[in-house]
């Protein structure tokens, strides 16, 4: 595992900017598992209290891949990306795949 790998560098840069702007922010998903297992990771995800609109405002290049669900991709200068998810509470899953709605939340909800 190389915590200085490009994906980790991009993810750390995104997380530091969100934290500096006053938003609780954590690494999330498979990158955390891989880090703990000492496995290389090429996809670092971040979870934050920042709204999707705030994420878009903080970074010059973003893609709103799932903005209604709180997912924004931050594109780095090197063309790499970091997925940023806003903390949320999901509504009922009527189709088994997507919640009927989401409510942005805190990390403790």
PDB file of N, CA and C in Angstrom:
ATOM      1  N   UNK A   1       0.848  -1.178   0.000  1.00  0.00           N
ATOM      2  CA  UNK A   1       0.000   0.000   0.000  1.00  0.00           C
ATOM      3  C   UNK A   1       0.883   1.227   0.000  1.00  0.00           C
ATOM      4  N   UNK A   2       0.569   2.148  -0.867  1.00  0.00           N
ATOM      5  CA  UNK A   2       1.357   3.377  -0.964  1.00  0.00           C
ATOM      6  C   UNK A   2       0.433   4.567  -0.766  1.00  0.00           C
ATOM      7  N   UNK A   3       0.423   5.122   0.442  1.00  0.00           N
ATOM      8  CA  UNK A   3      -0.465   6.248   0.742  1.00  0.00           C
ATOM      9  C   UNK A   3      -0.056   7.510   0.004  1.00  0.00           C
ATOM     10  N   UNK A   4       1.071   7.476  -0.708  1.00  0.00           N
ATOM     11  CA  UNK A   4       1.489   8.622  -1.516  1.00  0.00           C
ATOM     12  C   UNK A   4       1.116   8.424  -2.989  1.00  0.00           C
ATOM     13  N   UNK A   5       0.410   7.346  -3.317  1.00  0.00           N
ATOM     14  CA  UNK A   5      -0.009   7.081  -4.691  1.00  0.00           C
ATOM     15  C   UNK A   5      -0.909   8.207  -5.178  1.00  0.00           C
ATOM     16  N   UNK A   6      -0.992   8.396  -6.497  1.00  0.00           N
ATOM     17  CA  UNK A   6      -1.788   9.511  -7.043  1.00  0.00           C
ATOM     18  C   UNK A   6      -3.223   9.582  -6.537  1.00  0.00           C
ATOM     19  N   UNK A   7      -3.915   8.460  -6.435  1.00  0.00           N
ATOM     20  CA  UNK A   7      -5.305   8.494  -5.962  1.00  0.00           C
ATOM     21  C   UNK A   7      -5.382   9.026  -4.534  1.00  0.00           C
ATOM     22  N   UNK A   8      -4.451   8.595  -3.678  1.00  0.00           N
ATOM     23  CA  UNK A   8      -4.438   9.080  -2.295  1.00  0.00           C
ATOM     24  C   UNK A   8      -4.072  10.554  -2.232  1.00  0.00           C
ATOM     25  N   UNK A   9      -3.138  10.983  -3.065  1.00  0.00           N
ATOM     26  CA  UNK A   9      -2.761  12.403  -3.101  1.00  0.00           C
ATOM     27  C   UNK A   9      -3.963  13.255  -3.508  1.00  0.00           C
ATOM     28  N   UNK A  10      -4.671  12.819  -4.555  1.00  0.00           N
ATOM     29  CA  UNK A  10      -5.867  13.556  -4.991  1.00  0.00           C
ATOM     30  C   UNK A  10      -6.911  13.581  -3.889  1.00  0.00           C
ATOM     31  N   UNK A  11      -7.164  12.415  -3.288  1.00  0.00           N
ATOM     32  CA  UNK A  11      -8.167  12.333  -2.229  1.00  0.00           C
ATOM     33  C   UNK A  11      -7.811  13.198  -1.033  1.00  0.00           C
ATOM     34  N   UNK A  12      -6.538  13.185  -0.663  1.00  0.00           N
ATOM     35  CA  UNK A  12      -6.100  14.014   0.469  1.00  0.00           C
ATOM     36  C   UNK A  12      -6.269  15.490   0.158  1.00  0.00           C
ATOM     37  N   UNK A  13      -5.935  15.898  -1.062  1.00  0.00           N
ATOM     38  CA  UNK A  13      -6.088  17.297  -1.462  1.00  0.00           C
ATOM     39  C   UNK A  13      -7.553  17.727  -1.374  1.00  0.00           C
ATOM     40  N   UNK A  14      -8.454  16.879  -1.863  1.00  0.00           N
ATOM     41  CA  UNK A  14      -9.893  17.177  -1.799  1.00  0.00           C
ATOM     42  C   UNK A  14     -10.341  17.255  -0.338  1.00  0.00           C
ATOM     43  N   UNK A  15      -9.962  16.267   0.464  1.00  0.00           N
ATOM     44  CA  UNK A  15     -10.368  16.246   1.875  1.00  0.00           C
ATOM     45  C   UNK A  15      -9.843  17.470   2.623  1.00  0.00           C
ATOM     46  N   UNK A  16      -8.590  17.823   2.385  1.00  0.00           N
ATOM     47  CA  UNK A  16      -8.023  18.986   3.079  1.00  0.00           C
ATOM     48  C   UNK A  16      -8.755  20.272   2.725  1.00  0.00           C
ATOM     49  N   UNK A  17      -9.139  20.426   1.476  1.00  0.00           N
ATOM     50  CA  UNK A  17      -9.871  21.637   1.086  1.00  0.00           C
ATOM     51  C   UNK A  17     -11.247  21.680   1.746  1.00  0.00           C
ATOM     52  N   UNK A  18     -11.929  20.559   1.782  1.00  0.00           N
ATOM     53  CA  UNK A  18     -13.240  20.507   2.433  1.00  0.00           C
ATOM     54  C   UNK A  18     -13.120  20.806   3.927  1.00  0.00           C
ATOM     55  N   UNK A  19     -12.131  20.217   4.570  1.00  0.00           N
ATOM     56  CA  UNK A  19     -11.916  20.447   6.007  1.00  0.00           C
ATOM     57  C   UNK A  19     -11.560  21.915   6.262  1.00  0.00           C
ATOM     58  N   UNK A  20     -10.696  22.481   5.422  1.00  0.00           N
ATOM     59  CA  UNK A  20     -10.303  23.888   5.594  1.00  0.00           C
ATOM     60  C   UNK A  20     -11.504  24.816   5.453  1.00  0.00           C
ATOM     61  N   UNK A  21     -12.495  24.382   4.672  1.00  0.00           N
ATOM     62  CA  UNK A  21     -13.709  25.189   4.495  1.00  0.00           C
ATOM     63  C   UNK A  21     -14.718  24.931   5.623  1.00  0.00           C
ATOM     64  N   UNK A  22     -14.339  24.093   6.601  1.00  0.00           N
ATOM     65  CA  UNK A  22     -15.175  23.894   7.779  1.00  0.00           C
ATOM     66  C   UNK A  22     -16.133  22.722   7.711  1.00  0.00           C
ATOM     67  N   UNK A  23     -15.911  21.773   6.790  1.00  0.00           N
ATOM     68  CA  UNK A  23     -16.831  20.647   6.617  1.00  0.00           C
ATOM     69  C   UNK A  23     -16.218  19.349   7.131  1.00  0.00           C
ATOM     70  N   UNK A  24     -16.955  18.663   7.995  1.00  0.00           N
ATOM     71  CA  UNK A  24     -16.511  17.345   8.444  1.00  0.00           C
ATOM     72  C   UNK A  24     -16.318  16.473   7.201  1.00  0.00           C
ATOM     73  N   UNK A  25     -15.209  15.757   7.149  1.00  0.00           N
ATOM     74  CA  UNK A  25     -14.856  14.983   5.957  1.00  0.00           C
ATOM     75  C   UNK A  25     -14.092  13.736   6.354  1.00  0.00           C
ATOM     76  N   UNK A  26     -14.417  12.632   5.688  1.00  0.00           N
ATOM     77  CA  UNK A  26     -13.791  11.335   5.963  1.00  0.00           C
ATOM     78  C   UNK A  26     -13.483  10.626   4.651  1.00  0.00           C
ATOM     79  N   UNK A  27     -12.440   9.768   4.657  1.00  0.00           N
ATOM     80  CA  UNK A  27     -12.266   8.830   3.557  1.00  0.00           C
ATOM     81  C   UNK A  27     -13.322   7.755   3.751  1.00  0.00           C
ATOM     82  N   UNK A  28     -13.813   7.180   2.647  1.00  0.00           N
ATOM     83  CA  UNK A  28     -14.912   6.220   2.740  1.00  0.00           C
ATOM     84  C   UNK A  28     -14.752   5.102   1.716  1.00  0.00           C
ATOM     85  N   UNK A  29     -15.434   4.018   1.965  1.00  0.00           N
ATOM     86  CA  UNK A  29     -15.529   2.941   0.994  1.00  0.00           C
ATOM     87  C   UNK A  29     -14.324   2.026   0.944  1.00  0.00           C
ATOM     88  N   UNK A  30     -14.147   1.452  -0.238  1.00  0.00           N
ATOM     89  CA  UNK A  30     -13.120   0.442  -0.437  1.00  0.00           C
ATOM     90  C   UNK A  30     -11.706   0.913  -0.199  1.00  0.00           C
ATOM     91  N   UNK A  31     -11.438   2.204  -0.375  1.00  0.00           N
ATOM     92  CA  UNK A  31     -10.071   2.695  -0.154  1.00  0.00           C
ATOM     93  C   UNK A  31      -9.661   2.532   1.308  1.00  0.00           C
ATOM     94  N   UNK A  32     -10.609   2.668   2.217  1.00  0.00           N
ATOM     95  CA  UNK A  32     -10.314   2.500   3.645  1.00  0.00           C
ATOM     96  C   UNK A  32      -9.992   1.029   3.926  1.00  0.00           C
ATOM     97  N   UNK A  33     -10.820   0.150   3.394  1.00  0.00           N
ATOM     98  CA  UNK A  33     -10.563  -1.288   3.551  1.00  0.00           C
ATOM     99  C   UNK A  33      -9.191  -1.654   2.991  1.00  0.00           C
ATOM    100  N   UNK A  34      -8.911  -1.198   1.761  1.00  0.00           N
ATOM    101  CA  UNK A  34      -7.639  -1.523   1.122  1.00  0.00           C
ATOM    102  C   UNK A  34      -6.459  -0.975   1.925  1.00  0.00           C
ATOM    103  N   UNK A  35      -6.591   0.230   2.438  1.00  0.00           N
ATOM    104  CA  UNK A  35      -5.530   0.824   3.254  1.00  0.00           C
ATOM    105  C   UNK A  35      -5.248  -0.053   4.480  1.00  0.00           C
ATOM    106  N   UNK A  36      -6.312  -0.464   5.149  1.00  0.00           N
ATOM    107  CA  UNK A  36      -6.154  -1.273   6.355  1.00  0.00           C
ATOM    108  C   UNK A  36      -5.551  -2.649   6.044  1.00  0.00           C
ATOM    109  N   UNK A  37      -5.819  -3.164   4.857  1.00  0.00           N
ATOM    110  CA  UNK A  37      -5.286  -4.466   4.451  1.00  0.00           C
ATOM    111  C   UNK A  37      -3.922  -4.354   3.775  1.00  0.00           C
ATOM    112  N   UNK A  38      -3.461  -3.120   3.537  1.00  0.00           N
ATOM    113  CA  UNK A  38      -2.175  -2.925   2.878  1.00  0.00           C
ATOM    114  C   UNK A  38      -2.210  -3.210   1.390  1.00  0.00           C
ATOM    115  N   UNK A  39      -3.385  -3.070   0.790  1.00  0.00           N
ATOM    116  CA  UNK A  39      -3.576  -3.323  -0.637  1.00  0.00           C
ATOM    117  C   UNK A  39      -3.548  -1.996  -1.390  1.00  0.00           C
ATOM    118  N   UNK A  40      -2.879  -1.929  -2.549  1.00  0.00           N
ATOM    119  CA  UNK A  40      -2.901  -0.686  -3.340  1.00  0.00           C
ATOM    120  C   UNK A  40      -4.336  -0.306  -3.725  1.00  0.00           C
ATOM    121  N   UNK A  41      -4.561   0.975  -3.803  1.00  0.00           N
ATOM    122  CA  UNK A  41      -5.901   1.487  -4.114  1.00  0.00           C
ATOM    123  C   UNK A  41      -5.773   2.568  -5.189  1.00  0.00           C
ATOM    124  N   UNK A  42      -6.599   2.485  -6.206  1.00  0.00           N
ATOM    125  CA  UNK A  42      -6.546   3.517  -7.248  1.00  0.00           C
ATOM    126  C   UNK A  42      -7.833   4.321  -7.332  1.00  0.00           C
ATOM    127  N   UNK A  43      -8.695   4.178  -6.313  1.00  0.00           N
ATOM    128  CA  UNK A  43      -9.976   4.876  -6.297  1.00  0.00           C
ATOM    129  C   UNK A  43     -10.284   5.303  -4.870  1.00  0.00           C
ATOM    130  N   UNK A  44     -10.058   6.581  -4.556  1.00  0.00           N
ATOM    131  CA  UNK A  44     -10.282   7.087  -3.207  1.00  0.00           C
ATOM    132  C   UNK A  44     -11.578   7.897  -3.185  1.00  0.00           C
ATOM    133  N   UNK A  45     -12.468   7.534  -2.275  1.00  0.00           N
ATOM    134  CA  UNK A  45     -13.744   8.224  -2.114  1.00  0.00           C
ATOM    135  C   UNK A  45     -13.743   9.009  -0.813  1.00  0.00           C
ATOM    136  N   UNK A  46     -14.500  10.104  -0.815  1.00  0.00           N
ATOM    137  CA  UNK A  46     -14.578  10.996   0.333  1.00  0.00           C
ATOM    138  C   UNK A  46     -16.052  11.200   0.683  1.00  0.00           C
ATOM    139  N   UNK A  47     -16.363  11.207   1.978  1.00  0.00           N
ATOM    140  CA  UNK A  47     -17.703  11.540   2.469  1.00  0.00           C
ATOM    141  C   UNK A  47     -17.586  12.814   3.286  1.00  0.00           C
ATOM    142  N   UNK A  48     -18.576  13.700   3.138  1.00  0.00           N
ATOM    143  CA  UNK A  48     -18.471  15.019   3.762  1.00  0.00           C
ATOM    144  C   UNK A  48     -19.834  15.575   4.167  1.00  0.00           C
ATOM    145  N   UNK A  49     -19.798  16.551   5.054  1.00  0.00           N
ATOM    146  CA  UNK A  49     -21.005  17.284   5.432  1.00  0.00           C
ATOM    147  C   UNK A  49     -21.312  18.401   4.428  1.00  0.00           C
ATOM    148  N   UNK A  50     -20.385  18.709   3.539  1.00  0.00           N
ATOM    149  CA  UNK A  50     -20.607  19.768   2.546  1.00  0.00           C
ATOM    150  C   UNK A  50     -21.700  19.345   1.564  1.00  0.00           C
ATOM    151  N   UNK A  51     -22.580  20.272   1.227  1.00  0.00           N
ATOM    152  CA  UNK A  51     -23.626  19.987   0.243  1.00  0.00           C
ATOM    153  C   UNK A  51     -23.004  19.819  -1.139  1.00  0.00           C
ATOM    154  N   UNK A  52     -23.712  19.183  -2.063  1.00  0.00           N
ATOM    155  CA  UNK A  52     -23.190  19.074  -3.428  1.00  0.00           C
ATOM    156  C   UNK A  52     -22.863  20.444  -4.038  1.00  0.00           C
ATOM    157  N   UNK A  53     -23.692  21.426  -3.774  1.00  0.00           N
ATOM    158  CA  UNK A  53     -23.444  22.775  -4.301  1.00  0.00           C
ATOM    159  C   UNK A  53     -22.162  23.368  -3.725  1.00  0.00           C
ATOM    160  N   UNK A  54     -21.912  23.101  -2.465  1.00  0.00           N
ATOM    161  CA  UNK A  54     -20.685  23.591  -1.827  1.00  0.00           C
ATOM    162  C   UNK A  54     -19.465  22.911  -2.434  1.00  0.00           C
ATOM    163  N   UNK A  55     -19.556  21.611  -2.663  1.00  0.00           N
ATOM    164  CA  UNK A  55     -18.451  20.884  -3.290  1.00  0.00           C
ATOM    165  C   UNK A  55     -18.168  21.488  -4.666  1.00  0.00           C
ATOM    166  N   UNK A  56     -19.212  21.728  -5.439  1.00  0.00           N
ATOM    167  CA  UNK A  56     -19.032  22.329  -6.768  1.00  0.00           C
ATOM    168  C   UNK A  56     -18.380  23.701  -6.671  1.00  0.00           C
ATOM    169  N   UNK A  57     -18.750  24.476  -5.661  1.00  0.00           N
ATOM    170  CA  UNK A  57     -18.198  25.824  -5.514  1.00  0.00           C
ATOM    171  C   UNK A  57     -16.735  25.805  -5.067  1.00  0.00           C
ATOM    172  N   UNK A  58     -16.326  24.774  -4.347  1.00  0.00           N
ATOM    173  CA  UNK A  58     -14.958  24.710  -3.820  1.00  0.00           C
ATOM    174  C   UNK A  58     -13.925  24.223  -4.837  1.00  0.00           C
ATOM    175  N   UNK A  59     -14.386  23.530  -5.883  1.00  0.00           N
ATOM    176  CA  UNK A  59     -13.456  22.926  -6.839  1.00  0.00           C
ATOM    177  C   UNK A  59     -13.768  23.398  -8.256  1.00  0.00           C
ATOM    178  N   UNK A  60     -12.737  23.726  -9.033  1.00  0.00           N
ATOM    179  CA  UNK A  60     -12.967  24.292 -10.367  1.00  0.00           C
ATOM    180  C   UNK A  60     -13.537  23.312 -11.387  1.00  0.00           C
ATOM    181  N   UNK A  61     -13.235  22.021 -11.237  1.00  0.00           N
ATOM    182  CA  UNK A  61     -13.732  21.037 -12.209  1.00  0.00           C
ATOM    183  C   UNK A  61     -14.482  19.930 -11.478  1.00  0.00           C
ATOM    184  N   UNK A  62     -15.778  19.857 -11.711  1.00  0.00           N
ATOM    185  CA  UNK A  62     -16.598  18.820 -11.088  1.00  0.00           C
ATOM    186  C   UNK A  62     -17.556  18.232 -12.119  1.00  0.00           C
ATOM    187  N   UNK A  63     -18.046  17.047 -11.815  1.00  0.00           N
ATOM    188  CA  UNK A  63     -19.061  16.392 -12.629  1.00  0.00           C
ATOM    189  C   UNK A  63     -20.165  15.941 -11.675  1.00  0.00           C
ATOM    190  N   UNK A  64     -21.406  16.422 -11.888  1.00  0.00           N
ATOM    191  CA  UNK A  64     -22.505  16.076 -10.980  1.00  0.00           C
ATOM    192  C   UNK A  64     -23.113  14.709 -11.315  1.00  0.00           C
ATOM    193  N   UNK A  65     -22.344  13.634 -11.123  1.00  0.00           N
ATOM    194  CA  UNK A  65     -22.776  12.304 -11.545  1.00  0.00           C
ATOM    195  C   UNK A  65     -24.044  11.819 -10.841  1.00  0.00           C
ATOM    196  N   UNK A  66     -24.255  12.242  -9.640  1.00  0.00           N
ATOM    197  CA  UNK A  66     -25.444  11.858  -8.886  1.00  0.00           C
ATOM    198  C   UNK A  66     -25.813  12.950  -7.904  1.00  0.00           C
ATOM    199  N   UNK A  67     -25.855  14.171  -8.393  1.00  0.00           N
ATOM    200  CA  UNK A  67     -26.039  15.333  -7.521  1.00  0.00           C
ATOM    201  C   UNK A  67     -27.299  15.216  -6.650  1.00  0.00           C
ATOM    202  N   UNK A  68     -28.388  14.697  -7.201  1.00  0.00           N
ATOM    203  CA  UNK A  68     -29.623  14.566  -6.428  1.00  0.00           C
ATOM    204  C   UNK A  68     -29.439  13.629  -5.238  1.00  0.00           C
ATOM    205  N   UNK A  69     -28.460  12.742  -5.341  1.00  0.00           N
ATOM    206  CA  UNK A  69     -28.166  11.802  -4.262  1.00  0.00           C
ATOM    207  C   UNK A  69     -26.922  12.207  -3.485  1.00  0.00           C
ATOM    208  N   UNK A  70     -26.368  13.393  -3.800  1.00  0.00           N
ATOM    209  CA  UNK A  70     -25.228  13.919  -3.065  1.00  0.00           C
ATOM    210  C   UNK A  70     -23.876  13.502  -3.591  1.00  0.00           C
ATOM    211  N   UNK A  71     -23.790  13.051  -4.842  1.00  0.00           N
ATOM    212  CA  UNK A  71     -22.526  12.564  -5.397  1.00  0.00           C
ATOM    213  C   UNK A  71     -21.988  13.537  -6.444  1.00  0.00           C
ATOM    214  N   UNK A  72     -20.785  14.045  -6.184  1.00  0.00           N
ATOM    215  CA  UNK A  72     -20.078  14.932  -7.101  1.00  0.00           C
ATOM    216  C   UNK A  72     -18.686  14.355  -7.318  1.00  0.00           C
ATOM    217  N   UNK A  73     -18.239  14.303  -8.563  1.00  0.00           N
ATOM    218  CA  UNK A  73     -16.871  13.881  -8.854  1.00  0.00           C
ATOM    219  C   UNK A  73     -16.017  15.129  -9.013  1.00  0.00           C
ATOM    220  N   UNK A  74     -14.918  15.185  -8.276  1.00  0.00           N
ATOM    221  CA  UNK A  74     -13.954  16.278  -8.398  1.00  0.00           C
ATOM    222  C   UNK A  74     -12.858  15.804  -9.338  1.00  0.00           C
ATOM    223  N   UNK A  75     -12.625  16.564 -10.402  1.00  0.00           N
ATOM    224  CA  UNK A  75     -11.609  16.219 -11.389  1.00  0.00           C
ATOM    225  C   UNK A  75     -10.353  17.034 -11.075  1.00  0.00           C
ATOM    226  N   UNK A  76      -9.235  16.339 -10.904  1.00  0.00           N
ATOM    227  CA  UNK A  76      -7.969  16.986 -10.574  1.00  0.00           C
ATOM    228  C   UNK A  76      -7.266  17.478 -11.831  1.00  0.00           C
ATOM    229  N   UNK A  77      -6.264  18.296 -11.642  1.00  0.00           N
ATOM    230  CA  UNK A  77      -5.495  18.849 -12.763  1.00  0.00           C
ATOM    231  C   UNK A  77      -4.871  17.753 -13.612  1.00  0.00           C
ATOM    232  N   UNK A  78      -4.536  16.608 -12.988  1.00  0.00           N
ATOM    233  CA  UNK A  78      -3.921  15.507 -13.737  1.00  0.00           C
ATOM    234  C   UNK A  78      -4.953  14.639 -14.448  1.00  0.00           C
ATOM    235  N   UNK A  79      -6.229  15.015 -14.377  1.00  0.00           N
ATOM    236  CA  UNK A  79      -7.293  14.260 -15.026  1.00  0.00           C
ATOM    237  C   UNK A  79      -7.867  13.152 -14.163  1.00  0.00           C
ATOM    238  N   UNK A  80      -7.249  12.884 -13.018  1.00  0.00           N
ATOM    239  CA  UNK A  80      -7.786  11.889 -12.101  1.00  0.00           C
ATOM    240  C   UNK A  80      -9.020  12.424 -11.401  1.00  0.00           C
ATOM    241  N   UNK A  81      -9.707  11.557 -10.705  1.00  0.00           N
ATOM    242  CA  UNK A  81     -10.937  12.003 -10.049  1.00  0.00           C
ATOM    243  C   UNK A  81     -11.060  11.457  -8.634  1.00  0.00           C
ATOM    244  N   UNK A  82     -11.836  12.170  -7.838  1.00  0.00           N
ATOM    245  CA  UNK A  82     -12.193  11.756  -6.486  1.00  0.00           C
ATOM    246  C   UNK A  82     -13.692  11.919  -6.350  1.00  0.00           C
ATOM    247  N   UNK A  83     -14.382  10.855  -5.967  1.00  0.00           N
ATOM    248  CA  UNK A  83     -15.821  10.926  -5.766  1.00  0.00           C
ATOM    249  C   UNK A  83     -16.097  11.462  -4.367  1.00  0.00           C
ATOM    250  N   UNK A  84     -16.949  12.471  -4.295  1.00  0.00           N
ATOM    251  CA  UNK A  84     -17.306  13.091  -3.017  1.00  0.00           C
ATOM    252  C   UNK A  84     -18.801  12.879  -2.785  1.00  0.00           C
ATOM    253  N   UNK A  85     -19.132  12.276  -1.658  1.00  0.00           N
ATOM    254  CA  UNK A  85     -20.527  12.016  -1.300  1.00  0.00           C
ATOM    255  C   UNK A  85     -20.899  12.824  -0.074  1.00  0.00           C
ATOM    256  N   UNK A  86     -22.012  13.518  -0.159  1.00  0.00           N
ATOM    257  CA  UNK A  86     -22.537  14.247   0.993  1.00  0.00           C
ATOM    258  C   UNK A  86     -23.213  13.240   1.919  1.00  0.00           C
ATOM    259  N   UNK A  87     -22.996  13.368   3.234  1.00  0.00           N
ATOM    260  CA  UNK A  87     -23.679  12.511   4.194  1.00  0.00           C
ATOM    261  C   UNK A  87     -25.179  12.602   3.915  1.00  0.00           C
ATOM    262  N   UNK A  88     -25.862  11.450   3.957  1.00  0.00           N
ATOM    263  CA  UNK A  88     -27.294  11.468   3.669  1.00  0.00           C
ATOM    264  C   UNK A  88     -28.014  10.335   4.376  1.00  0.00           C
ATOM    265  N   UNK A  89     -29.319  10.526   4.498  1.00  0.00           N
ATOM    266  CA  UNK A  89     -30.216   9.481   4.980  1.00  0.00           C
ATOM    267  C   UNK A  89     -31.143   9.161   3.811  1.00  0.00           C
ATOM    268  N   UNK A  90     -31.198   7.898   3.422  1.00  0.00           N
ATOM    269  CA  UNK A  90     -32.002   7.491   2.270  1.00  0.00           C
ATOM    270  C   UNK A  90     -33.441   7.233   2.665  1.00  0.00           C
ATOM    271  N   UNK A  91     -34.337   7.517   1.713  1.00  0.00           N
ATOM    272  CA  UNK A  91     -35.737   7.155   1.872  1.00  0.00           C
ATOM    273  C   UNK A  91     -35.927   5.684   1.551  1.00  0.00           C
ATOM    274  N   UNK A  92     -37.158   5.278   1.344  1.00  0.00           N
ATOM    275  CA  UNK A  92     -37.507   3.886   1.044  1.00  0.00           C
ATOM    276  C   UNK A  92     -37.002   3.511  -0.350  1.00  0.00           C
ATOM    277  N   UNK A  93     -36.497   2.278  -0.479  1.00  0.00           N
ATOM    278  CA  UNK A  93     -36.048   1.747  -1.768  1.00  0.00           C
ATOM    279  C   UNK A  93     -37.208   0.985  -2.403  1.00  0.00           C
ATOM    280  N   UNK A  94     -37.990   1.659  -3.248  1.00  0.00           N
ATOM    281  CA  UNK A  94     -39.161   1.038  -3.853  1.00  0.00           C
ATOM    282  C   UNK A  94     -38.786   0.059  -4.962  1.00  0.00           C
ATOM    283  N   UNK A  95     -37.717   0.341  -5.696  1.00  0.00           N
ATOM    284  CA  UNK A  95     -37.312  -0.533  -6.807  1.00  0.00           C
ATOM    285  C   UNK A  95     -36.114  -1.414  -6.445  1.00  0.00           C
ATOM    286  N   UNK A  96     -35.649  -1.344  -5.206  1.00  0.00           N
ATOM    287  CA  UNK A  96     -34.515  -2.142  -4.778  1.00  0.00           C
ATOM    288  C   UNK A  96     -33.167  -1.579  -5.191  1.00  0.00           C
ATOM    289  N   UNK A  97     -33.158  -0.486  -5.955  1.00  0.00           N
ATOM    290  CA  UNK A  97     -31.907   0.085  -6.439  1.00  0.00           C
ATOM    291  C   UNK A  97     -31.690   1.524  -6.021  1.00  0.00           C
ATOM    292  N   UNK A  98     -32.756   2.320  -6.019  1.00  0.00           N
ATOM    293  CA  UNK A  98     -32.627   3.748  -5.722  1.00  0.00           C
ATOM    294  C   UNK A  98     -33.643   4.146  -4.658  1.00  0.00           C
ATOM    295  N   UNK A  99     -33.230   5.000  -3.735  1.00  0.00           N
ATOM    296  CA  UNK A  99     -34.193   5.460  -2.731  1.00  0.00           C
ATOM    297  C   UNK A  99     -35.203   6.418  -3.376  1.00  0.00           C
ATOM    298  N   UNK A 100     -36.394   6.441  -2.838  1.00  0.00           N
ATOM    299  CA  UNK A 100     -37.422   7.351  -3.369  1.00  0.00           C
ATOM    300  C   UNK A 100     -37.071   8.797  -3.081  1.00  0.00           C
ATOM    301  N   UNK A 101     -36.129   9.028  -2.231  1.00  0.00           N
ATOM    302  CA  UNK A 101     -35.644  10.373  -1.926  1.00  0.00           C
ATOM    303  C   UNK A 101     -34.488  10.293  -0.945  1.00  0.00           C
ATOM    304  N   UNK A 102     -33.778  11.389  -0.834  1.00  0.00           N
ATOM    305  CA  UNK A 102     -32.691  11.455   0.143  1.00  0.00           C
ATOM    306  C   UNK A 102     -32.821  12.745   0.925  1.00  0.00           C
ATOM    307  N   UNK A 103     -32.269  12.709   2.118  1.00  0.00           N
ATOM    308  CA  UNK A 103     -32.187  13.903   2.957  1.00  0.00           C
ATOM    309  C   UNK A 103     -30.738  14.014   3.369  1.00  0.00           C
ATOM    310  N   UNK A 104     -30.133  15.157   3.073  1.00  0.00           N
ATOM    311  CA  UNK A 104     -28.736  15.340   3.479  1.00  0.00           C
ATOM    312  C   UNK A 104     -28.701  15.399   4.995  1.00  0.00           C
ATOM    313  N   UNK A 105     -27.680  14.768   5.570  1.00  0.00           N
ATOM    314  CA  UNK A 105     -27.646  14.538   7.011  1.00  0.00           C
ATOM    315  C   UNK A 105     -26.251  14.847   7.557  1.00  0.00           C
ATOM    316  N   UNK A 106     -26.039  14.453   8.790  1.00  0.00           N
ATOM    317  CA  UNK A 106     -24.725  14.549   9.407  1.00  0.00           C
ATOM    318  C   UNK A 106     -24.113  13.157   9.462  1.00  0.00           C
ATOM    319  N   UNK A 107     -22.869  13.076   9.856  1.00  0.00           N
ATOM    320  CA  UNK A 107     -22.204  11.775   9.926  1.00  0.00           C
ATOM    321  C   UNK A 107     -22.744  10.904  11.036  1.00  0.00           C
ATOM    322  N   UNK A 108     -23.468  11.464  11.968  1.00  0.00           N
ATOM    323  CA  UNK A 108     -23.971  10.695  13.100  1.00  0.00           C
ATOM    324  C   UNK A 108     -25.435  10.287  12.947  1.00  0.00           C
ATOM    325  N   UNK A 109     -26.070  10.673  11.870  1.00  0.00           N
ATOM    326  CA  UNK A 109     -27.481  10.286  11.675  1.00  0.00           C
ATOM    327  C   UNK A 109     -27.584   8.948  10.987  1.00  0.00           C
TER     328      UNK A 109
END
